[in-house]
């Protein structure tokens, strides 16, 4: 009975002593770290204490690595490396020395060398998670795939480690958004850290997955109603989804009810979008102007200012801002020029009588389409059609035949480039038929209406015209 008693007592002592010893090493490391940091500018003052620490822990790799880390904390990489190498020599199965050597190389911006030491740490002590985590961190931007592979090894020894969340974070940092949302999507949102939740919502937003991004953002807002990041993403998503009432609600939350919100030019721009959607044009203009005040390089805001002014019927300011928008572009695209021409045509349409202002607007539109035809031969057919329609408005009775040369040019191009789509010719043929009736050249007029019937036998205009010309 006495033998069993002593055996149990010995087992109890061994169970208690291991954590006790570990705790003692930790307290020693904490103590020497305070000493090293306190004497950062006077290293000679602690030489004896450091020697005593090394002597007492000469076979303890964990303690020696702790001493080295104290020196690394004050950016003394020489002594940090000295004690890290000592730790590796005297505690070969301890990961701490290898991790410290990796941290030193990382501080020297040598990611490859750092990764080598971190990987060695996982080999020497497969149960220590820091080697896996730090290796993964080194490669998270350069090769998030390698990082995730290492984290998967960590999952094998520690199933509780949030591998999927970290993988999502790594892929987000590497701007591989599709992979980021894939991994974030595997995690219960309740288990995601706040900044990871923000990354998840942002990645979905940037991928134009507005509904999913909104779902994540609303979850974040519920957790923290005063989160600037989550209010912003929610606001952006509702705007993109054209739910302007809710967009304005969260715009107010961002601008007025969020903690430490740094309002950006893009925030003002989005606020303008939402207000435009709610037909609050004057307020939208105010927000767009604030966006430009904060960032004059946001040239698309000038275009949006143009839209806002046009929407309220102010063509003077609308055209002025569109011209300013084009002036910031080295070579405006065909859609850009087409947009300006359409604004002039829209201005003309807003004027009931054929006065000087209407004529000037139509001529300006015609001029722009002429420029498109000259500078972009591939759009010559489109430009010809637009010029024909504009000149038809300048000559509503068709007596001057202002549209005639452009419809004829359009027909010539269409017959060559769009021969398989004869319906494109109906509009110019109907105009030319009517033009020749006015010129009392019935034979030519009849020929054009017959061409229309050949394409569209049920065309009422051509049928009626031919009945008169018979």
Protein backbone atom coordinates (compact mmCIF):
# COMPACT_ATOMS: atom_id res chain seq x y z
CA UNK A 1 0.00 0.00 0.00
CA UNK A 2 2.88 2.38 0.90
CA UNK A 3 4.52 1.71 -2.51
CA UNK A 4 1.33 2.64 -4.35
CA UNK A 5 1.02 5.82 -2.26
CA UNK A 6 4.54 6.98 -3.15
CA UNK A 7 3.97 6.12 -6.82
CA UNK A 8 0.84 8.29 -6.96
CA UNK A 9 2.62 11.13 -5.17
CA UNK A 10 5.47 10.97 -7.69
CA UNK A 11 3.04 11.10 -10.59
CA UNK A 12 1.31 14.10 -9.05
CA UNK A 13 4.63 15.92 -8.63
CA UNK A 14 5.56 15.28 -12.29
CA UNK A 15 2.22 16.62 -13.52
CA UNK A 16 2.52 19.80 -11.48
CA UNK A 17 6.22 20.43 -12.06
CA UNK A 18 6.14 20.67 -15.89
CA UNK A 19 3.73 23.65 -16.10
CA UNK A 20 5.44 25.13 -13.07
CA UNK A 21 8.80 25.02 -14.81
CA UNK A 22 7.29 26.49 -17.99
CA UNK A 23 5.75 29.23 -15.94
CA UNK A 24 9.10 29.90 -14.29
CA UNK A 25 10.83 30.23 -17.69
CA UNK A 26 8.14 32.62 -18.82
CA UNK A 27 8.56 34.78 -15.76
CA UNK A 28 12.33 34.83 -16.30
CA UNK A 29 11.86 35.87 -19.94
CA UNK A 30 9.41 38.59 -18.92
CA UNK A 31 11.87 39.88 -16.35
CA UNK A 32 14.91 39.97 -18.64
CA UNK A 33 12.80 41.54 -21.40
CA UNK A 34 11.89 44.43 -19.12
CA UNK A 35 15.57 44.87 -18.24
CA UNK A 36 16.68 44.87 -21.88
CA UNK A 37 14.02 47.36 -22.92
CA UNK A 38 14.67 49.63 -19.97
CA UNK A 39 18.38 49.82 -20.87
CA UNK A 40 18.01 50.15 -24.62
CA UNK A 41 20.39 53.11 -24.76
CA UNK A 42 22.85 51.66 -22.20
CA UNK A 43 23.49 47.98 -23.06
CA UNK A 44 26.68 47.83 -20.93
CA UNK A 45 24.59 48.25 -17.81
CA UNK A 46 22.90 44.86 -18.23
CA UNK A 47 25.84 42.70 -19.37
CA UNK A 48 26.07 40.87 -16.04
CA UNK A 49 22.33 40.22 -15.85
CA UNK A 50 22.32 38.86 -19.38
CA UNK A 51 25.30 36.59 -18.59
CA UNK A 52 23.54 35.30 -15.48
CA UNK A 53 20.38 34.63 -17.50
CA UNK A 54 22.33 32.71 -20.17
CA UNK A 55 24.24 30.74 -17.53
CA UNK A 56 21.05 29.76 -15.74
CA UNK A 57 19.31 28.77 -19.00
CA UNK A 58 22.26 27.53 -21.04
CA UNK A 59 20.40 24.38 -22.11
CA UNK A 60 16.96 25.93 -22.47
CA UNK A 61 16.24 26.88 -26.09
CA UNK A 62 12.94 28.53 -25.20
CA UNK A 63 14.56 30.85 -22.64
CA UNK A 64 17.48 31.75 -24.92
CA UNK A 65 15.06 32.52 -27.77
CA UNK A 66 13.09 34.70 -25.34
CA UNK A 67 16.27 36.66 -24.58
CA UNK A 68 16.96 37.05 -28.28
CA UNK A 69 13.44 38.31 -28.86
CA UNK A 70 13.91 40.94 -26.18
CA UNK A 71 16.82 42.30 -28.20
CA UNK A 72 14.80 42.07 -31.42
CA UNK A 73 12.10 44.16 -29.77
CA UNK A 74 14.62 47.01 -29.45
CA UNK A 75 15.85 46.40 -33.05
CA UNK A 76 19.22 45.00 -31.88
CA UNK A 77 19.40 42.30 -34.56
CA UNK A 78 23.03 41.43 -33.79
CA UNK A 79 22.30 40.21 -30.26
CA UNK A 80 18.91 38.86 -31.34
CA UNK A 81 20.62 36.63 -33.90
CA UNK A 82 23.36 35.66 -31.43
CA UNK A 83 20.87 34.28 -28.92
CA UNK A 84 18.59 32.82 -31.58
CA UNK A 85 21.49 30.74 -32.92
CA UNK A 86 22.36 29.74 -29.37
CA UNK A 87 18.74 28.68 -28.86
CA UNK A 88 18.80 26.53 -31.99
CA UNK A 89 22.06 24.85 -30.95
CA UNK A 90 20.97 24.12 -27.40
CA UNK A 91 17.26 23.49 -27.90
CA UNK A 92 17.12 21.81 -31.29
CA UNK A 93 13.60 20.54 -30.85
CA UNK A 94 12.23 23.89 -29.73
CA UNK A 95 10.59 25.98 -32.46
CA UNK A 96 11.20 29.34 -30.78
CA UNK A 97 14.80 29.77 -31.94
CA UNK A 98 13.94 29.00 -35.56
CA UNK A 99 10.95 31.35 -35.45
CA UNK A 100 13.13 34.11 -34.02
CA UNK A 101 15.67 33.65 -36.82
CA UNK A 102 12.79 33.88 -39.29
CA UNK A 103 11.56 37.08 -37.65
CA UNK A 104 15.04 38.59 -37.92
CA UNK A 105 15.17 37.84 -41.66
CA UNK A 106 11.66 39.20 -42.07
CA UNK A 107 12.78 42.43 -40.41
CA UNK A 108 15.62 42.51 -42.97
CA UNK A 109 13.02 42.12 -45.76
CA UNK A 110 14.35 38.71 -46.79
CA UNK A 111 11.10 36.81 -47.04
CA UNK A 112 12.67 33.72 -48.60
CA UNK A 113 15.16 33.27 -45.76
CA UNK A 114 12.45 33.97 -43.20
CA UNK A 115 10.18 31.33 -44.73
CA UNK A 116 13.02 28.78 -44.62
CA UNK A 117 13.44 29.27 -40.86
CA UNK A 118 9.69 29.15 -40.26
CA UNK A 119 9.42 25.93 -42.22
CA UNK A 120 12.31 24.48 -40.17
CA UNK A 121 10.36 25.37 -37.04
CA UNK A 122 7.43 23.24 -38.24
CA UNK A 123 9.80 20.33 -38.84
CA UNK A 124 11.50 20.55 -35.43
CA UNK A 125 8.28 21.10 -33.49
CA UNK A 126 5.23 20.12 -35.59
CA UNK A 127 2.90 20.95 -32.69
CA UNK A 128 3.91 24.62 -32.46
CA UNK A 129 1.42 26.67 -34.53
CA UNK A 130 3.56 29.83 -34.88
CA UNK A 131 5.87 28.28 -37.47
CA UNK A 132 2.94 27.50 -39.76
CA UNK A 133 1.30 30.87 -39.17
CA UNK A 134 4.43 32.91 -39.80
CA UNK A 135 5.39 30.93 -42.90
CA UNK A 136 1.90 31.52 -44.25
CA UNK A 137 2.13 35.22 -43.40
CA UNK A 138 5.38 35.62 -45.37
CA UNK A 139 3.83 34.25 -48.53
CA UNK A 140 0.33 35.65 -48.11
CA UNK A 141 0.74 38.29 -50.85
CA UNK A 142 3.43 36.68 -52.98
CA UNK A 143 1.72 33.30 -53.09
CA UNK A 144 -1.43 33.00 -51.01
CA UNK A 145 -1.80 29.48 -52.40
CA UNK A 146 1.42 28.40 -50.62
CA UNK A 147 0.23 30.16 -47.48
CA UNK A 148 -3.03 28.27 -47.49
CA UNK A 149 -1.23 24.97 -48.05
CA UNK A 150 0.77 25.59 -44.89
CA UNK A 151 -2.36 26.55 -42.98
CA UNK A 152 -3.98 23.30 -44.07
CA UNK A 153 -1.07 21.47 -42.40
CA UNK A 154 -1.77 23.50 -39.28
CA UNK A 155 -5.44 22.46 -39.45
CA UNK A 156 -4.29 18.83 -39.10
CA UNK A 157 -2.62 19.50 -35.76
CA UNK A 158 -5.06 22.17 -34.57
CA UNK A 159 -8.54 21.74 -36.08
CA UNK A 160 -9.74 24.77 -34.11
CA UNK A 161 -7.41 27.17 -35.92
CA UNK A 162 -9.47 29.45 -38.24
CA UNK A 163 -7.77 28.35 -41.48
CA UNK A 164 -10.58 29.39 -43.81
CA UNK A 165 -10.84 32.86 -42.28
CA UNK A 166 -7.07 33.38 -42.54
CA UNK A 167 -7.07 32.04 -46.09
CA UNK A 168 -9.77 34.53 -47.03
CA UNK A 169 -7.70 37.30 -45.44
CA UNK A 170 -4.56 36.25 -47.34
CA UNK A 171 -6.32 36.08 -50.70
CA UNK A 172 -7.96 39.45 -50.04
CA UNK A 173 -4.55 40.98 -49.33
CA UNK A 174 -3.25 39.51 -52.60
CA UNK A 175 -6.25 41.02 -54.45
CA UNK A 176 -7.50 37.56 -55.44
CA UNK A 177 -11.03 38.45 -54.55
CA UNK A 178 -12.77 35.41 -56.02
CA UNK A 179 -10.70 33.12 -53.78
CA UNK A 180 -11.14 35.45 -50.82
CA UNK A 181 -14.93 35.23 -50.95
CA UNK A 182 -14.71 31.47 -51.52
CA UNK A 183 -12.87 30.98 -48.22
CA UNK A 184 -14.73 33.65 -46.26
CA UNK A 185 -17.94 31.99 -47.41
CA UNK A 186 -16.94 28.78 -45.62
CA UNK A 187 -16.91 30.51 -42.25
CA UNK A 188 -19.86 31.26 -39.98
CA UNK A 189 -19.98 35.07 -40.06
CA UNK A 190 -20.25 35.04 -36.26
CA UNK A 191 -16.71 33.61 -36.18
CA UNK A 192 -15.14 36.26 -38.44
CA UNK A 193 -13.13 39.08 -36.87
CA UNK A 194 -14.54 42.51 -37.61
CA UNK A 195 -11.80 43.44 -40.09
CA UNK A 196 -12.23 40.11 -41.90
CA UNK A 197 -15.97 40.71 -42.07
CA UNK A 198 -15.21 44.08 -43.67
CA UNK A 199 -12.85 42.42 -46.16
CA UNK A 200 -15.51 39.85 -47.03
CA UNK A 201 -18.15 42.50 -47.67
CA UNK A 202 -15.69 44.66 -49.63
CA UNK A 203 -14.53 41.77 -51.81
CA UNK A 204 -18.12 40.90 -52.73
CA UNK A 205 -18.78 44.59 -53.46
CA UNK A 206 -15.73 44.84 -55.75
CA UNK A 207 -16.83 41.67 -57.54
CA UNK A 208 -20.20 43.36 -58.17
CA UNK A 209 -21.98 40.77 -56.02
CA UNK A 210 -24.06 43.51 -54.43
CA UNK A 211 -26.70 41.27 -52.85
CA UNK A 212 -24.15 39.06 -51.06
CA UNK A 213 -22.06 42.06 -50.07
CA UNK A 214 -25.17 43.70 -48.65
CA UNK A 215 -26.01 40.56 -46.67
CA UNK A 216 -22.54 40.56 -45.08
CA UNK A 217 -22.57 44.31 -44.50
CA UNK A 218 -25.99 44.24 -42.83
CA UNK A 219 -24.70 41.50 -40.53
CA UNK A 220 -21.78 43.78 -39.67
CA UNK A 221 -24.05 46.77 -39.09
CA UNK A 222 -26.18 44.69 -36.75
CA UNK A 223 -23.06 43.84 -34.72
CA UNK A 224 -21.89 47.43 -34.67
CA UNK A 225 -24.40 50.07 -35.85
CA UNK A 226 -21.71 52.77 -35.59
CA UNK A 227 -19.17 51.00 -37.80
CA UNK A 228 -18.13 53.44 -40.52
CA UNK A 229 -16.86 50.62 -42.75
CA UNK A 230 -20.07 48.62 -42.59
CA UNK A 231 -22.35 51.63 -42.95
CA UNK A 232 -20.32 52.68 -46.00
CA UNK A 233 -20.51 49.27 -47.69
CA UNK A 234 -24.22 48.97 -46.92
CA UNK A 235 -24.78 52.46 -48.37
CA UNK A 236 -22.80 51.63 -51.52
CA UNK A 237 -24.62 48.36 -52.05
CA UNK A 238 -28.09 49.85 -51.69
CA UNK A 239 -27.06 52.54 -54.19
CA UNK A 240 -25.77 49.96 -56.68
CA UNK A 241 -29.00 47.99 -56.24
CA UNK A 242 -30.97 51.21 -56.94
CA UNK A 243 -32.71 51.03 -53.55
CA UNK A 244 -32.21 54.75 -53.06
CA UNK A 245 -34.38 55.18 -49.95
CA UNK A 246 -32.27 52.70 -47.99
CA UNK A 247 -29.11 54.04 -49.61
CA UNK A 248 -29.85 57.51 -48.24
CA UNK A 249 -30.63 56.04 -44.83
CA UNK A 250 -27.18 54.46 -44.62
CA UNK A 251 -25.53 57.50 -46.19
CA UNK A 252 -26.86 59.43 -43.21
CA UNK A 253 -25.55 56.70 -40.91
CA UNK A 254 -22.09 56.97 -42.48
CA UNK A 255 -21.89 60.75 -42.51
CA UNK A 256 -23.59 61.45 -39.18
CA UNK A 257 -23.85 58.34 -37.01
CA UNK A 258 -20.56 56.44 -37.40
CA UNK A 259 -17.53 56.43 -35.13
CA UNK A 260 -14.31 57.89 -36.52
CA UNK A 261 -15.65 58.06 -40.07
CA UNK A 262 -13.19 59.58 -42.52
CA UNK A 263 -15.41 60.84 -45.32
CA UNK A 264 -13.82 60.48 -48.74
CA UNK A 265 -14.46 62.03 -52.13
CA UNK A 266 -15.93 58.68 -53.23
CA UNK A 267 -18.39 58.82 -50.32
CA UNK A 268 -19.66 62.21 -51.53
CA UNK A 269 -19.81 60.85 -55.08
CA UNK A 270 -21.93 57.88 -54.01
CA UNK A 271 -24.11 60.20 -51.97
CA UNK A 272 -24.67 62.13 -55.19
CA UNK A 273 -25.63 58.90 -56.99
CA UNK A 274 -28.20 58.06 -54.36
CA UNK A 275 -29.65 61.57 -54.35
CA UNK A 276 -29.87 61.50 -58.17
CA UNK A 277 -31.79 58.24 -57.89
CA UNK A 278 -34.16 59.95 -55.48
CA UNK A 279 -34.56 62.91 -57.90
CA UNK A 280 -32.95 65.29 -55.40
CA UNK A 281 -30.87 66.96 -58.10
CA UNK A 282 -29.80 70.10 -56.23
CA UNK A 283 -28.56 68.07 -53.27
CA UNK A 284 -26.82 65.65 -55.65
CA UNK A 285 -25.02 68.57 -57.29
CA UNK A 286 -23.87 69.73 -53.86
CA UNK A 287 -22.41 66.30 -53.07
CA UNK A 288 -20.71 65.93 -56.46
CA UNK A 289 -19.07 69.33 -56.00
CA UNK A 290 -17.82 68.30 -52.56
CA UNK A 291 -16.33 65.18 -54.14
CA UNK A 292 -14.42 67.31 -56.65
CA UNK A 293 -13.22 69.63 -53.89
CA UNK A 294 -11.68 66.64 -52.12
CA UNK A 295 -10.31 64.99 -55.26
CA UNK A 296 -10.22 66.95 -58.51
CA UNK A 297 -8.87 63.86 -60.32
CA UNK A 298 -12.28 62.15 -60.14
CA UNK A 299 -13.15 63.19 -63.67
CA UNK A 300 -16.23 60.98 -63.87
CA UNK A 301 -17.79 63.24 -61.22
CA UNK A 302 -17.84 66.07 -63.80
CA UNK A 303 -19.89 63.82 -66.06
CA UNK A 304 -22.26 63.09 -63.19
CA UNK A 305 -22.57 66.80 -62.48
CA UNK A 306 -23.53 67.21 -66.12
CA UNK A 307 -26.19 64.51 -65.74
CA UNK A 308 -27.55 66.19 -62.61
CA UNK A 309 -27.87 69.59 -64.27
CA UNK A 310 -29.41 68.09 -67.42
CA UNK A 311 -31.91 66.18 -65.27
CA UNK A 312 -33.16 69.45 -63.83
CA UNK A 313 -33.27 71.05 -67.30
CA UNK A 314 -30.18 73.22 -66.88
CA UNK A 315 -28.44 72.60 -70.20
CA UNK A 316 -26.05 75.53 -69.79
CA UNK A 317 -24.34 74.03 -66.74
CA UNK A 318 -24.90 70.48 -67.94
CA UNK A 319 -23.04 71.08 -71.20
CA UNK A 320 -20.37 73.13 -69.44
CA UNK A 321 -19.51 70.28 -67.07
CA UNK A 322 -19.55 67.76 -69.91
CA UNK A 323 -17.11 69.94 -71.86
CA UNK A 324 -14.95 70.16 -68.74
CA UNK A 325 -15.11 66.36 -68.43
CA UNK A 326 -13.92 65.95 -72.04
CA UNK A 327 -11.16 68.52 -71.58
CA UNK A 328 -9.55 66.27 -68.97
CA UNK A 329 -9.33 63.37 -71.41
CA UNK A 330 -6.36 63.26 -73.75
CA UNK A 331 -8.34 61.56 -76.52
CA UNK A 332 -12.09 61.32 -75.91
CA UNK A 333 -13.64 58.02 -76.95
CA UNK A 334 -16.47 57.65 -79.43
CA UNK A 335 -18.96 57.00 -76.57
CA UNK A 336 -17.74 60.20 -74.88
CA UNK A 337 -18.28 62.26 -78.05
CA UNK A 338 -21.57 60.51 -78.71
CA UNK A 339 -22.66 61.45 -75.18
CA UNK A 340 -21.99 65.12 -75.87
CA UNK A 341 -23.82 65.01 -79.19
CA UNK A 342 -26.81 63.40 -77.50
CA UNK A 343 -26.87 66.17 -74.89
CA UNK A 344 -27.12 68.75 -77.66
CA UNK A 345 -29.86 66.72 -79.34
CA UNK A 346 -31.63 66.49 -75.96
CA UNK A 347 -31.31 70.23 -75.54
CA UNK A 348 -32.82 70.74 -78.98
CA UNK A 349 -35.70 68.39 -78.15
CA UNK A 350 -36.48 70.45 -75.03
CA UNK A 351 -37.15 73.53 -77.21
CA UNK A 352 -40.58 73.53 -78.85
CA UNK A 353 -40.13 76.10 -81.61
CA UNK A 354 -37.50 76.05 -84.34
CA UNK A 355 -35.65 79.06 -82.95
CA UNK A 356 -31.98 79.97 -83.04
CA UNK A 357 -31.18 78.05 -79.86
CA UNK A 358 -32.71 74.83 -81.20
CA UNK A 359 -30.94 75.19 -84.53
CA UNK A 360 -27.61 75.89 -82.80
CA UNK A 361 -27.96 72.80 -80.61
CA UNK A 362 -28.78 70.55 -83.59
CA UNK A 363 -25.88 71.95 -85.61
CA UNK A 364 -23.53 71.33 -82.70
CA UNK A 365 -24.68 67.71 -82.52
CA UNK A 366 -24.23 67.36 -86.28
CA UNK A 367 -20.72 68.78 -86.01
CA UNK A 368 -19.75 66.24 -83.35
CA UNK A 369 -21.01 63.31 -85.41
CA UNK A 370 -19.01 64.68 -88.33
CA UNK A 371 -15.94 64.54 -86.09
CA UNK A 372 -16.73 60.94 -85.13
CA UNK A 373 -17.02 59.98 -88.82
CA UNK A 374 -13.64 61.55 -89.57
CA UNK A 375 -11.72 60.27 -86.55
CA UNK A 376 -13.27 56.81 -86.30
CA UNK A 377 -13.89 55.16 -89.69
CA UNK A 378 -15.35 52.07 -87.99
CA UNK A 379 -18.18 54.27 -86.68
CA UNK A 380 -18.80 56.07 -89.97
CA UNK A 381 -22.04 54.23 -90.66
CA UNK A 382 -23.44 55.09 -87.21
CA UNK A 383 -22.36 58.72 -87.59
CA UNK A 384 -24.03 58.93 -91.01
CA UNK A 385 -27.35 57.73 -89.58
CA UNK A 386 -27.18 60.18 -86.66
CA UNK A 387 -26.34 63.08 -88.98
CA UNK A 388 -29.24 62.08 -91.24
CA UNK A 389 -31.67 62.16 -88.32
CA UNK A 390 -30.35 65.46 -87.00
CA UNK A 391 -30.52 67.08 -90.42
CA UNK A 392 -34.06 65.76 -90.80
CA UNK A 393 -34.92 67.83 -87.72
CA UNK A 394 -33.18 70.87 -89.23
CA UNK A 395 -35.25 70.34 -92.36
CA UNK A 396 -38.55 68.98 -90.99
CA UNK A 397 -40.40 69.31 -94.31
CA UNK A 398 -37.51 67.66 -96.19
CA UNK A 399 -37.72 70.39 -98.81
CA UNK A 400 -34.01 71.18 -98.62
CA UNK A 401 -32.93 67.55 -98.59
CA UNK A 402 -30.44 68.20 -95.78
CA UNK A 403 -30.57 64.59 -94.65
CA UNK A 404 -30.26 63.15 -98.17
CA UNK A 405 -26.44 62.91 -98.47
CA UNK A 406 -26.16 61.22 -95.06
CA UNK A 407 -28.90 58.67 -95.74
CA UNK A 408 -27.27 57.91 -99.10
CA UNK A 409 -23.89 57.50 -97.41
CA UNK A 410 -25.48 55.24 -94.83
CA UNK A 411 -27.06 53.07 -97.55
CA UNK A 412 -23.76 52.70 -99.34
CA UNK A 413 -21.94 51.56 -96.18
CA UNK A 414 -24.77 49.32 -94.98
CA UNK A 415 -25.00 47.49 -98.31
CA UNK A 416 -21.32 46.65 -97.99
CA UNK A 417 -20.85 46.06 -94.28
CA UNK A 418 -24.32 44.89 -93.21
CA UNK A 419 -25.54 43.14 -96.34
CA UNK A 420 -27.09 40.36 -94.25
CA UNK A 421 -29.37 42.83 -92.45
CA UNK A 422 -31.45 44.60 -95.12
CA UNK A 423 -33.93 45.96 -92.54
CA UNK A 424 -31.34 48.61 -91.75
CA UNK A 425 -32.16 50.15 -95.15
CA UNK A 426 -35.85 50.74 -94.54
CA UNK A 427 -35.48 54.13 -92.81
CA UNK A 428 -33.21 55.70 -95.47
CA UNK A 429 -35.31 54.27 -98.33
CA UNK A 430 -38.50 55.76 -96.87
CA UNK A 431 -36.84 59.16 -96.52
CA UNK A 432 -35.41 59.06 -100.04
CA UNK A 433 -38.76 57.97 -101.48
CA UNK A 434 -40.50 60.92 -99.83
CA UNK A 435 -37.73 63.32 -100.91
CA UNK A 436 -38.18 62.34 -104.58
CA UNK A 437 -41.96 62.71 -104.34
CA UNK A 438 -41.37 66.31 -103.22
CA UNK A 439 -39.05 66.71 -106.22
CA UNK A 440 -41.84 65.29 -108.42
CA UNK A 441 -39.55 62.48 -109.56
CA UNK A 442 -42.14 59.76 -109.08
CA UNK A 443 -40.19 57.08 -110.91
CA UNK A 444 -37.24 57.36 -108.52
CA UNK A 445 -39.57 57.67 -105.54
CA UNK A 446 -41.40 54.51 -106.64
CA UNK A 447 -38.12 52.60 -106.92
CA UNK A 448 -37.26 53.34 -103.29
CA UNK A 449 -40.68 52.33 -101.97
CA UNK A 450 -40.48 49.09 -103.95
CA UNK A 451 -37.16 48.39 -102.26
CA UNK A 452 -38.88 48.83 -98.90
CA UNK A 453 -41.65 46.39 -99.87
CA UNK A 454 -39.03 43.87 -100.97
CA UNK A 455 -37.61 43.99 -97.45
CA UNK A 456 -40.89 44.45 -95.53
CA UNK A 457 -43.97 43.51 -97.60
CA UNK A 458 -46.31 44.76 -94.82
CA UNK A 459 -44.80 48.21 -94.51
CA UNK A 460 -47.77 50.61 -94.41
CA UNK A 461 -45.90 53.76 -95.44
CA UNK A 462 -44.45 52.18 -98.57
CA UNK A 463 -47.76 50.51 -99.44
CA UNK A 464 -49.68 53.77 -99.19
CA UNK A 465 -47.07 55.67 -101.18
CA UNK A 466 -47.09 53.09 -103.99
CA UNK A 467 -50.89 53.21 -104.17
CA UNK A 468 -50.65 56.93 -104.87
CA UNK A 469 -47.78 56.58 -107.33
CA UNK A 470 -49.48 53.88 -109.47
